């Protein structure tokens, strides 16, 4: 049965199961002008990949939209100012400079040194769940693993993780565009202000009392005489807090949910835990936490036979690209041993996720450890 191509990306049928809609869109109009969203929707792998690599598209979009009332725009100015300094919303040369200074904390060696700590955190959490009849995977497990790692990296107290979670949740409403929440701007503004005030206090303390943590490293970071300003350190730390746990929490929980929905692949992984490396890549492809990335055209450019005009928006749908049959054999089939697997779950190009190695490490340890400790776990049946 053919689905009607319509422009409501928030239609319940699309939200609840987007894959049939994007399959049809990719087959019939892979570079589609969405009238309601007022932008282009890209669903084909090679088009999305080209757009991610294009220097003609920009990530700089964190500013009050022209449609926002003047009073609200003035109230949100400080919020957008912080977000505009996030690496993911910067273009070169600022992006290059900040990423170079921050990347030293995410080298393969630095990430590998976190392995014992991730094991320890995971085992401690599972010890606390040993006698539970039911587990809320997100609230009791998947959230805690990455946020405890981020606390360790930044030198923040573990007991502050619920605060960090709340501030990130408030900010998520704005960053990911929860358009149906009328209070999203107020929540984001208040949450980010509290996070910024908290981080500034920590940064001032580290300036007086340096520690072996990422905040101290950012204070001391210097590349060819170029250091980060206080505002850039605050913005970078808020990005690490937000990005460092939000997507990994979802990768762990989505991954476990997907495996439980595919018992043949679940049993395969339990029988051979060494498959976890390719399993994580397949979970990123099949139902990864990052569904789409937005870009804006800096100049007229051509993608997929369509002319994208300057200042027009593009939605690069990774979840559709990752199920493109031109690139992936049996794309709707979960195969934890799939190789090669050139998915776009972490993006591509200069904005390729800096924390990808850490997310892979945390997810592989978390999933293998919980399956080892709770081999008979299953989804709770809906009443």
Protein backbone atom coordinates (compact mmCIF):
# COMPACT_ATOMS: atom_id res chain seq x y z
CA UNK A 1 0.00 0.00 0.00
CA UNK A 2 1.43 3.35 -1.03
CA UNK A 3 1.67 6.07 1.58
CA UNK A 4 0.77 9.60 0.62
CA UNK A 5 3.81 11.87 0.74
CA UNK A 6 2.72 14.67 3.00
CA UNK A 7 4.63 17.41 4.76
CA UNK A 8 3.75 16.80 8.41
CA UNK A 9 6.85 15.22 9.94
CA UNK A 10 5.09 15.25 13.32
CA UNK A 11 2.12 13.22 12.10
CA UNK A 12 1.60 10.45 14.72
CA UNK A 13 1.95 7.74 12.07
CA UNK A 14 5.34 9.13 11.01
CA UNK A 15 6.56 9.70 14.57
CA UNK A 16 5.52 6.24 15.77
CA UNK A 17 7.09 4.44 12.81
CA UNK A 18 9.02 6.79 10.49
CA UNK A 19 10.71 4.14 8.38
CA UNK A 20 7.87 3.35 5.91
CA UNK A 21 7.38 7.09 5.30
CA UNK A 22 11.09 7.74 4.75
CA UNK A 23 11.44 4.62 2.59
CA UNK A 24 8.80 5.98 0.26
CA UNK A 25 10.25 9.48 0.32
CA UNK A 26 13.71 8.15 -0.50
CA UNK A 27 12.34 6.11 -3.41
CA UNK A 28 10.04 8.78 -4.89
CA UNK A 29 11.53 12.15 -3.93
CA UNK A 30 14.83 11.76 -2.05
CA UNK A 31 15.54 15.53 -2.00
CA UNK A 32 12.06 16.68 -1.04
CA UNK A 33 10.83 20.24 -0.47
CA UNK A 34 8.69 20.09 2.66
CA UNK A 35 6.24 22.98 2.48
CA UNK A 36 5.13 22.79 6.11
CA UNK A 37 8.67 22.65 7.53
CA UNK A 38 9.80 25.16 4.89
CA UNK A 39 12.94 23.29 3.99
CA UNK A 40 14.49 20.34 2.16
CA UNK A 41 14.32 16.79 3.54
CA UNK A 42 17.13 14.48 2.37
CA UNK A 43 16.71 10.74 2.80
CA UNK A 44 19.17 9.04 0.40
CA UNK A 45 22.53 7.95 1.82
CA UNK A 46 24.78 9.56 -0.78
CA UNK A 47 22.85 12.86 -0.67
CA UNK A 48 22.98 13.00 3.14
CA UNK A 49 26.67 12.11 3.11
CA UNK A 50 27.40 14.78 0.49
CA UNK A 51 25.52 17.38 2.51
CA UNK A 52 27.39 16.46 5.71
CA UNK A 53 30.69 16.92 3.87
CA UNK A 54 29.69 20.13 2.07
CA UNK A 55 31.44 23.40 2.92
CA UNK A 56 28.54 25.19 1.23
CA UNK A 57 26.24 24.32 4.14
CA UNK A 58 26.51 25.79 7.61
CA UNK A 59 25.79 24.54 11.13
CA UNK A 60 25.44 28.07 12.47
CA UNK A 61 21.76 28.21 13.32
CA UNK A 62 21.61 29.05 17.02
CA UNK A 63 20.04 32.47 16.91
CA UNK A 64 16.49 33.71 17.51
CA UNK A 65 14.42 32.96 14.39
CA UNK A 66 13.02 35.93 12.51
CA UNK A 67 9.50 34.77 13.40
CA UNK A 68 10.20 35.00 17.14
CA UNK A 69 8.50 37.97 18.88
CA UNK A 70 10.96 40.77 19.68
CA UNK A 71 10.44 40.60 23.45
CA UNK A 72 11.02 36.83 23.54
CA UNK A 73 14.08 37.17 21.30
CA UNK A 74 15.57 39.70 23.73
CA UNK A 75 14.85 37.39 26.68
CA UNK A 76 16.46 34.44 24.86
CA UNK A 77 19.55 36.33 23.62
CA UNK A 78 21.90 35.05 26.36
CA UNK A 79 20.70 31.47 25.83
CA UNK A 80 21.35 31.57 22.10
CA UNK A 81 24.73 33.24 22.76
CA UNK A 82 25.90 30.25 24.82
CA UNK A 83 24.54 27.72 22.32
CA UNK A 84 26.09 29.56 19.35
CA UNK A 85 29.53 28.81 20.83
CA UNK A 86 28.92 25.06 20.89
CA UNK A 87 31.26 23.39 18.41
CA UNK A 88 28.36 21.66 16.70
CA UNK A 89 26.89 25.06 15.82
CA UNK A 90 30.17 26.67 14.71
CA UNK A 91 31.91 26.74 11.34
CA UNK A 92 35.64 27.15 10.71
CA UNK A 93 37.76 28.89 11.81
CA UNK A 94 36.13 28.97 15.29
CA UNK A 95 35.05 25.33 15.01
CA UNK A 96 38.56 24.22 14.01
CA UNK A 97 40.23 26.12 16.85
CA UNK A 98 37.86 24.96 19.61
CA UNK A 99 37.73 21.36 18.40
CA UNK A 100 41.53 21.16 18.25
CA UNK A 101 41.81 22.32 21.86
CA UNK A 102 39.06 20.02 23.14
CA UNK A 103 39.98 16.92 21.10
CA UNK A 104 42.98 16.16 23.30
CA UNK A 105 40.55 14.85 25.93
CA UNK A 106 39.02 12.41 23.44
CA UNK A 107 42.07 10.78 21.90
CA UNK A 108 41.97 6.96 21.63
CA UNK A 109 44.50 6.76 24.48
CA UNK A 110 42.46 9.06 26.74
CA UNK A 111 39.26 7.15 26.01
CA UNK A 112 40.88 3.76 26.57
CA UNK A 113 42.09 4.93 29.97
CA UNK A 114 38.41 5.32 30.92
CA UNK A 115 37.69 1.60 30.33
CA UNK A 116 38.30 0.41 33.95
CA UNK A 117 36.14 3.23 35.31
CA UNK A 118 33.26 2.44 32.92
CA UNK A 119 33.43 -1.22 34.00
CA UNK A 120 33.42 -0.18 37.65
CA UNK A 121 30.46 2.18 37.23
CA UNK A 122 28.47 -0.40 35.30
CA UNK A 123 29.09 -3.16 37.83
CA UNK A 124 28.18 -0.88 40.76
CA UNK A 125 24.90 0.05 39.10
CA UNK A 126 24.07 -3.56 38.31
CA UNK A 127 24.88 -4.59 41.89
CA UNK A 128 22.21 -2.17 43.05
CA UNK A 129 19.66 -3.73 40.69
CA UNK A 130 20.45 -7.36 41.48
CA UNK A 131 17.31 -8.08 43.49
CA UNK A 132 14.91 -5.94 41.46
CA UNK A 133 11.97 -7.64 39.77
CA UNK A 134 11.60 -4.79 37.29
CA UNK A 135 14.14 -2.25 36.01
CA UNK A 136 13.57 1.08 34.35
CA UNK A 137 16.51 0.77 31.98
CA UNK A 138 16.76 4.49 31.27
CA UNK A 139 16.29 5.95 34.76
CA UNK A 140 18.08 3.22 36.72
CA UNK A 141 20.89 2.30 34.35
CA UNK A 142 21.36 3.88 30.92
CA UNK A 143 21.30 7.48 32.21
CA UNK A 144 23.80 6.89 35.00
CA UNK A 145 26.62 5.28 33.02
CA UNK A 146 27.44 8.21 30.68
CA UNK A 147 26.65 10.98 33.18
CA UNK A 148 29.00 9.44 35.76
CA UNK A 149 31.69 9.25 33.10
CA UNK A 150 31.11 12.92 32.23
CA UNK A 151 31.27 13.87 35.92
CA UNK A 152 34.57 12.02 36.15
CA UNK A 153 35.98 13.75 33.04
CA UNK A 154 34.94 17.24 34.18
CA UNK A 155 35.77 16.65 37.84
CA UNK A 156 32.18 17.22 39.00
CA UNK A 157 30.64 15.54 42.08
CA UNK A 158 28.64 12.40 41.30
CA UNK A 159 25.80 13.66 43.49
CA UNK A 160 25.24 16.54 41.06
CA UNK A 161 24.27 14.23 38.21
CA UNK A 162 20.52 14.65 38.74
CA UNK A 163 20.95 18.43 38.47
CA UNK A 164 22.93 18.02 35.25
CA UNK A 165 20.23 15.70 33.92
CA UNK A 166 17.45 18.18 34.70
CA UNK A 167 19.26 21.11 33.09
CA UNK A 168 20.00 19.02 30.02
CA UNK A 169 16.37 17.91 29.76
CA UNK A 170 15.26 21.54 29.91
CA UNK A 171 17.75 22.48 27.20
CA UNK A 172 16.82 19.53 25.02
CA UNK A 173 13.42 21.14 24.41
CA UNK A 174 15.09 23.98 22.49
CA UNK A 175 18.06 22.23 20.87
CA UNK A 176 15.93 19.44 19.35
CA UNK A 177 12.91 21.64 18.68
CA UNK A 178 10.08 20.37 20.88
CA UNK A 179 7.69 22.67 19.03
CA UNK A 180 4.57 21.38 20.80
CA UNK A 181 5.88 22.47 24.22
CA UNK A 182 4.77 26.06 24.62
CA UNK A 183 7.11 26.55 27.59
CA UNK A 184 10.23 25.24 25.87
CA UNK A 185 11.92 28.64 25.62
CA UNK A 186 11.40 29.45 29.30
CA UNK A 187 12.57 25.98 30.37
CA UNK A 188 15.67 26.15 28.17
CA UNK A 189 16.55 29.67 29.32
CA UNK A 190 16.23 28.82 33.02
CA UNK A 191 17.94 25.44 32.73
CA UNK A 192 20.91 26.78 30.78
CA UNK A 193 21.30 29.79 33.09
CA UNK A 194 21.51 27.50 36.11
CA UNK A 195 24.00 25.25 34.33
CA UNK A 196 26.15 28.21 33.25
CA UNK A 197 26.19 29.69 36.79
CA UNK A 198 27.15 26.27 38.17
CA UNK A 199 29.94 25.78 35.61
CA UNK A 200 31.34 29.28 36.11
CA UNK A 201 31.73 28.60 39.83
CA UNK A 202 33.56 25.34 39.06
CA UNK A 203 35.80 27.04 36.47
CA UNK A 204 36.74 29.84 38.88
CA UNK A 205 37.61 27.22 41.49
CA UNK A 206 39.80 25.33 38.99
CA UNK A 207 41.61 28.56 38.10
CA UNK A 208 42.66 28.79 41.74
CA UNK A 209 42.92 25.06 42.46
CA UNK A 210 43.78 23.08 39.29
CA UNK A 211 42.89 19.39 39.12
CA UNK A 212 43.51 16.54 36.73
CA UNK A 213 40.26 17.00 34.80
CA UNK A 214 38.90 18.33 31.52
CA UNK A 215 37.91 21.73 32.93
CA UNK A 216 41.46 22.41 34.09
CA UNK A 217 42.76 21.17 30.74
CA UNK A 218 40.43 23.60 28.92
CA UNK A 219 41.62 26.48 31.13
CA UNK A 220 45.22 25.62 30.29
CA UNK A 221 44.54 24.74 26.65
CA UNK A 222 46.63 26.69 24.24
CA UNK A 223 47.19 26.11 20.55
CA UNK A 224 49.72 28.41 18.88
CA UNK A 225 49.10 31.08 21.49
CA UNK A 226 45.32 30.83 21.16
CA UNK A 227 43.43 29.98 24.36
CA UNK A 228 39.73 29.55 25.08
CA UNK A 229 37.85 32.48 26.60
CA UNK A 230 35.72 32.03 29.73
CA UNK A 231 32.57 32.06 27.59
CA UNK A 232 34.03 29.41 25.27
CA UNK A 233 35.02 27.19 28.23
CA UNK A 234 31.53 27.51 29.71
CA UNK A 235 29.87 26.75 26.36
CA UNK A 236 32.18 23.81 25.70
CA UNK A 237 31.57 22.32 29.15
CA UNK A 238 27.80 22.71 28.76
CA UNK A 239 28.06 20.92 25.39
CA UNK A 240 30.08 18.09 26.96
CA UNK A 241 27.48 17.75 29.72
CA UNK A 242 24.57 17.80 27.27
CA UNK A 243 26.02 15.82 24.38
CA UNK A 244 28.14 13.53 26.51
CA UNK A 245 25.26 11.82 28.23
CA UNK A 246 22.08 12.51 26.27
CA UNK A 247 22.90 10.56 23.09
CA UNK A 248 24.80 7.78 24.87
CA UNK A 249 21.90 7.24 27.28
CA UNK A 250 19.65 6.81 24.26
CA UNK A 251 22.13 4.58 22.44
CA UNK A 252 22.33 2.19 25.41
CA UNK A 253 18.58 2.12 26.02
CA UNK A 254 17.62 1.99 22.31
CA UNK A 255 20.22 -0.71 21.83
CA UNK A 256 18.89 -2.93 24.61
CA UNK A 257 15.30 -2.35 23.47
CA UNK A 258 16.20 -3.24 19.88
CA UNK A 259 17.99 -6.41 20.94
CA UNK A 260 15.07 -7.48 23.10
CA UNK A 261 12.80 -6.95 20.08
CA UNK A 262 15.09 -9.21 18.01
CA UNK A 263 15.62 -12.31 20.16
CA UNK A 264 17.66 -14.14 17.53
CA UNK A 265 20.27 -11.36 17.54
CA UNK A 266 20.09 -11.07 21.32
CA UNK A 267 20.88 -14.77 21.72
CA UNK A 268 23.66 -14.45 19.17
CA UNK A 269 25.33 -11.69 21.21
CA UNK A 270 24.90 -13.51 24.51
CA UNK A 271 26.50 -16.61 22.98
CA UNK A 272 29.41 -14.56 21.57
CA UNK A 273 30.04 -11.30 23.48
CA UNK A 274 32.99 -10.56 21.18
CA UNK A 275 30.40 -9.49 18.59
CA UNK A 276 29.72 -6.37 20.67
CA UNK A 277 31.90 -4.13 18.48
CA UNK A 278 29.95 -4.79 15.29
CA UNK A 279 26.73 -4.99 17.31
CA UNK A 280 27.14 -1.39 18.54
CA UNK A 281 27.73 -0.21 14.96
CA UNK A 282 24.62 -2.03 13.80
CA UNK A 283 22.54 -0.57 16.63
CA UNK A 284 23.77 2.89 15.60
CA UNK A 285 22.66 2.17 12.03
CA UNK A 286 19.40 0.42 12.79
CA UNK A 287 17.97 2.69 15.50
CA UNK A 288 20.64 5.19 16.52
CA UNK A 289 19.90 8.13 18.82
CA UNK A 290 20.64 10.81 16.23
CA UNK A 291 17.79 10.77 13.72
CA UNK A 292 18.52 13.89 11.67
CA UNK A 293 20.87 16.88 11.43
CA UNK A 294 19.95 20.35 10.25
CA UNK A 295 22.04 22.53 7.94
CA UNK A 296 21.49 25.89 6.21
CA UNK A 297 22.77 26.72 2.73
CA UNK A 298 25.45 29.43 2.71
CA UNK A 299 25.20 29.64 -1.07
CA UNK A 300 23.22 28.10 -3.91
CA UNK A 301 24.22 24.46 -4.18
CA UNK A 302 23.08 21.33 -6.03
CA UNK A 303 22.22 18.06 -4.28
CA UNK A 304 20.49 15.10 -5.86
CA UNK A 305 19.54 17.07 -8.96
CA UNK A 306 17.82 19.80 -6.93
CA UNK A 307 19.01 23.38 -6.50
CA UNK A 308 19.21 24.40 -2.86
CA UNK A 309 18.94 28.17 -2.59
CA UNK A 310 21.04 30.27 -0.23
CA UNK A 311 19.56 30.45 3.30
CA UNK A 312 17.24 27.48 2.74
CA UNK A 313 17.12 24.81 5.46
CA UNK A 314 17.98 21.15 5.00
CA UNK A 315 17.05 18.22 7.22
CA UNK A 316 19.59 15.43 6.72
CA UNK A 317 17.73 12.31 7.85
CA UNK A 318 20.40 9.91 9.11
CA UNK A 319 17.87 7.26 10.11
CA UNK A 320 16.66 7.11 6.49
CA UNK A 321 20.17 7.20 5.00
CA UNK A 322 21.17 4.34 7.29
CA UNK A 323 18.47 2.15 5.75
CA UNK A 324 19.22 2.95 2.12
CA UNK A 325 19.12 -0.34 0.16
CA UNK A 326 21.68 1.06 -2.31
CA UNK A 327 24.26 0.95 0.50
CA UNK A 328 23.01 -1.63 3.01
CA UNK A 329 21.88 -5.14 2.12
CA UNK A 330 18.56 -5.99 3.78
CA UNK A 331 18.53 -2.59 5.51
CA UNK A 332 15.44 -3.30 7.65
CA UNK A 333 17.05 -6.43 9.06
CA UNK A 334 19.13 -6.24 12.26
CA UNK A 335 22.44 -8.05 11.80
CA UNK A 336 24.85 -7.58 14.72
CA UNK A 337 27.73 -8.99 12.65
CA UNK A 338 27.14 -6.64 9.69
CA UNK A 339 30.42 -5.64 8.06
CA UNK A 340 31.25 -3.28 6.52
CA UNK A 341 28.83 -0.84 8.11
CA UNK A 342 29.42 2.74 6.89
CA UNK A 343 26.48 4.20 8.82
CA UNK A 344 26.10 7.92 9.43
CA UNK A 345 25.04 7.60 13.05
CA UNK A 346 27.83 9.87 14.27
CA UNK A 347 27.62 12.25 11.32
CA UNK A 348 30.41 12.84 8.84
CA UNK A 349 32.97 15.47 7.92
CA UNK A 350 34.33 18.18 10.21
CA UNK A 351 31.39 17.78 12.61
CA UNK A 352 31.84 14.03 13.04
CA UNK A 353 30.98 13.35 16.69
CA UNK A 354 34.05 14.03 18.82
CA UNK A 355 32.75 11.76 21.56
CA UNK A 356 32.10 8.78 19.26
CA UNK A 357 34.94 6.60 20.67
CA UNK A 358 33.74 7.23 24.23
CA UNK A 359 30.10 6.49 23.32
CA UNK A 360 31.18 3.23 21.68
CA UNK A 361 33.20 2.24 24.75
CA UNK A 362 30.42 3.00 27.22
CA UNK A 363 27.73 1.29 25.15
CA UNK A 364 29.72 -1.87 24.49
CA UNK A 365 30.58 -2.32 28.17
CA UNK A 366 27.09 -1.41 29.40
CA UNK A 367 25.24 -3.77 27.05
CA UNK A 368 27.57 -6.74 27.45
CA UNK A 369 27.66 -6.39 31.24
CA UNK A 370 23.89 -6.14 31.70
CA UNK A 371 23.29 -9.11 29.40
CA UNK A 372 25.86 -11.12 31.36
CA UNK A 373 24.32 -10.22 34.72
CA UNK A 374 20.69 -10.50 33.61
CA UNK A 375 20.67 -13.11 30.81
CA UNK A 376 16.91 -13.69 31.14
CA UNK A 377 15.87 -10.04 30.98
CA UNK A 378 12.85 -9.30 28.81
CA UNK A 379 10.55 -6.42 27.98
CA UNK A 380 7.67 -5.91 30.36
CA UNK A 381 4.44 -6.81 28.57
CA UNK A 382 2.09 -3.91 28.05
CA UNK A 383 -1.22 -4.32 29.85
